[in-house]
Amino acid sequence: MEERSKITHAEERVKKPVTLVFFLGGVTYAEISALRYLSERDNASREYMVATTQLLNGDTMLTEVMEKIENNLRRSTLRAEFANTKK
């Protein structure tokens, strides 16, 4: 009887549609965990597959933000210097 319930459970998994969730720019472990939670709920009607360009954590996220800020500051400085040379 227990063996039969395992087979039935496995068959139910196969029948669930799969949704591909693609994160451009990166995904955090918390976001992956949320999708995992959704697919493991008792009444879950689908499975989720995650694809991403990058896995992010607190360090990588802050590093990227700081790089973007620094790049914007450099661009602003260059524009200001270029504008001053034209005068």
C-alpha atoms as a PDB file:
ATOM      1  CA  MET A   1       0.000   0.000   0.000  1.00  0.00           C
ATOM      2  CA  GLU A   2       2.814   2.415   0.875  1.00  0.00           C
ATOM      3  CA  GLU A   3       4.608   1.582  -2.395  1.00  0.00           C
ATOM      4  CA  ARG A   4       1.472   2.437  -4.364  1.00  0.00           C
ATOM      5  CA  SER A   5       1.158   5.877  -2.705  1.00  0.00           C
ATOM      6  CA  LYS A   6       4.765   6.665  -3.699  1.00  0.00           C
ATOM      7  CA  ILE A   7       4.014   5.856  -7.324  1.00  0.00           C
ATOM      8  CA  THR A   8       0.845   7.946  -7.273  1.00  0.00           C
ATOM      9  CA  HIS A   9       2.718  10.889  -5.760  1.00  0.00           C
ATOM     10  CA  ALA A  10       5.447  10.597  -8.404  1.00  0.00           C
ATOM     11  CA  GLU A  11       2.828  10.477 -11.170  1.00  0.00           C
ATOM     12  CA  GLU A  12       1.191  13.637  -9.801  1.00  0.00           C
ATOM     13  CA  ARG A  13       4.530  15.452 -10.004  1.00  0.00           C
ATOM     14  CA  VAL A  14       4.983  14.520 -13.643  1.00  0.00           C
ATOM     15  CA  LYS A  15       1.556  15.878 -14.558  1.00  0.00           C
ATOM     16  CA  LYS A  16       2.227  19.360 -13.110  1.00  0.00           C
ATOM     17  CA  PRO A  17       3.049  22.047 -15.651  1.00  0.00           C
ATOM     18  CA  VAL A  18       6.466  23.615 -15.368  1.00  0.00           C
ATOM     19  CA  THR A  19       6.897  27.392 -15.352  1.00  0.00           C
ATOM     20  CA  LEU A  20      10.266  28.803 -16.318  1.00  0.00           C
ATOM     21  CA  VAL A  21      11.073  31.928 -14.298  1.00  0.00           C
ATOM     22  CA  PHE A  22      14.004  33.824 -15.791  1.00  0.00           C
ATOM     23  CA  PHE A  23      15.598  36.619 -13.791  1.00  0.00           C
ATOM     24  CA  LEU A  24      17.550  39.138 -15.849  1.00  0.00           C
ATOM     25  CA  GLY A  25      20.173  40.899 -13.765  1.00  0.00           C
ATOM     26  CA  GLY A  26      20.232  38.320 -11.023  1.00  0.00           C
ATOM     27  CA  VAL A  27      18.159  36.623  -8.367  1.00  0.00           C
ATOM     28  CA  THR A  28      18.537  36.353  -4.601  1.00  0.00           C
ATOM     29  CA  TYR A  29      18.409  33.144  -2.619  1.00  0.00           C
ATOM     30  CA  ALA A  30      15.244  34.437  -0.928  1.00  0.00           C
ATOM     31  CA  GLU A  31      13.475  34.751  -4.284  1.00  0.00           C
ATOM     32  CA  ILE A  32      14.457  31.200  -5.216  1.00  0.00           C
ATOM     33  CA  SER A  33      13.271  30.042  -1.807  1.00  0.00           C
ATOM     34  CA  ALA A  34       9.878  31.698  -2.357  1.00  0.00           C
ATOM     35  CA  LEU A  35       9.428  29.847  -5.643  1.00  0.00           C
ATOM     36  CA  ARG A  36      10.491  26.600  -4.003  1.00  0.00           C
ATOM     37  CA  TYR A  37       7.903  27.193  -1.273  1.00  0.00           C
ATOM     38  CA  LEU A  38       5.187  27.752  -3.885  1.00  0.00           C
ATOM     39  CA  SER A  39       6.007  24.505  -5.674  1.00  0.00           C
ATOM     40  CA  GLU A  40       6.131  22.447  -2.458  1.00  0.00           C
ATOM     41  CA  ARG A  41       2.790  23.536  -1.007  1.00  0.00           C
ATOM     42  CA  ASP A  42       0.200  20.766  -0.723  1.00  0.00           C
ATOM     43  CA  ASN A  43      -2.126  22.295  -3.303  1.00  0.00           C
ATOM     44  CA  ALA A  44       0.630  23.483  -5.656  1.00  0.00           C
ATOM     45  CA  SER A  45      -0.526  23.142  -9.229  1.00  0.00           C
ATOM     46  CA  ARG A  46       2.826  23.669 -10.914  1.00  0.00           C
ATOM     47  CA  GLU A  47       6.579  23.311 -10.676  1.00  0.00           C
ATOM     48  CA  TYR A  48       8.999  26.196 -11.121  1.00  0.00           C
ATOM     49  CA  MET A  49      12.340  26.174 -12.882  1.00  0.00           C
ATOM     50  CA  VAL A  50      14.657  29.100 -12.213  1.00  0.00           C
ATOM     51  CA  ALA A  51      17.114  30.533 -14.725  1.00  0.00           C
ATOM     52  CA  THR A  52      19.170  33.632 -14.064  1.00  0.00           C
ATOM     53  CA  THR A  53      22.069  35.691 -15.271  1.00  0.00           C
ATOM     54  CA  GLN A  54      23.580  35.832 -11.774  1.00  0.00           C
ATOM     55  CA  LEU A  55      23.033  34.629  -8.210  1.00  0.00           C
ATOM     56  CA  LEU A  56      23.019  37.564  -5.824  1.00  0.00           C
ATOM     57  CA  ASN A  57      23.637  37.875  -2.119  1.00  0.00           C
ATOM     58  CA  GLY A  58      23.963  40.972   0.044  1.00  0.00           C
ATOM     59  CA  ASP A  59      27.607  41.530  -0.889  1.00  0.00           C
ATOM     60  CA  THR A  60      27.184  41.163  -4.638  1.00  0.00           C
ATOM     61  CA  MET A  61      24.091  43.335  -4.638  1.00  0.00           C
ATOM     62  CA  LEU A  62      25.816  46.163  -2.754  1.00  0.00           C
ATOM     63  CA  THR A  63      28.936  45.862  -4.911  1.00  0.00           C
ATOM     64  CA  GLU A  64      26.862  46.272  -8.079  1.00  0.00           C
ATOM     65  CA  VAL A  65      24.988  49.264  -6.674  1.00  0.00           C
ATOM     66  CA  MET A  66      28.242  50.936  -5.631  1.00  0.00           C
ATOM     67  CA  GLU A  67      29.765  50.321  -9.085  1.00  0.00           C
ATOM     68  CA  LYS A  68      26.752  51.922 -10.774  1.00  0.00           C
ATOM     69  CA  ILE A  69      26.921  54.935  -8.464  1.00  0.00           C
ATOM     70  CA  GLU A  70      30.652  55.335  -9.118  1.00  0.00           C
ATOM     71  CA  ASN A  71      30.115  55.056 -12.893  1.00  0.00           C
ATOM     72  CA  ASN A  72      27.368  57.683 -12.798  1.00  0.00           C
ATOM     73  CA  LEU A  73      29.580  60.007 -10.750  1.00  0.00           C
ATOM     74  CA  ARG A  74      32.443  59.563 -13.229  1.00  0.00           C
ATOM     75  CA  ARG A  75      30.127  60.309 -16.159  1.00  0.00           C
ATOM     76  CA  SER A  76      28.784  63.407 -14.428  1.00  0.00           C
ATOM     77  CA  THR A  77      32.304  64.595 -13.673  1.00  0.00           C
ATOM     78  CA  LEU A  78      33.430  64.010 -17.259  1.00  0.00           C
ATOM     79  CA  ARG A  79      30.413  65.869 -18.630  1.00  0.00           C
ATOM     80  CA  ALA A  80      31.077  68.801 -16.319  1.00  0.00           C
ATOM     81  CA  GLU A  81      34.770  68.880 -17.296  1.00  0.00           C
ATOM     82  CA  PHE A  82      33.869  68.681 -20.997  1.00  0.00           C
ATOM     83  CA  ALA A  83      31.331  71.487 -20.604  1.00  0.00           C
ATOM     84  CA  ASN A  84      33.960  73.653 -18.890  1.00  0.00           C
ATOM     85  CA  THR A  85      36.493  73.113 -21.679  1.00  0.00           C
ATOM     86  CA  LYS A  86      33.985  74.294 -24.292  1.00  0.00           C
ATOM     87  CA  LYS A  87      33.588  77.699 -22.591  1.00  0.00           C
END
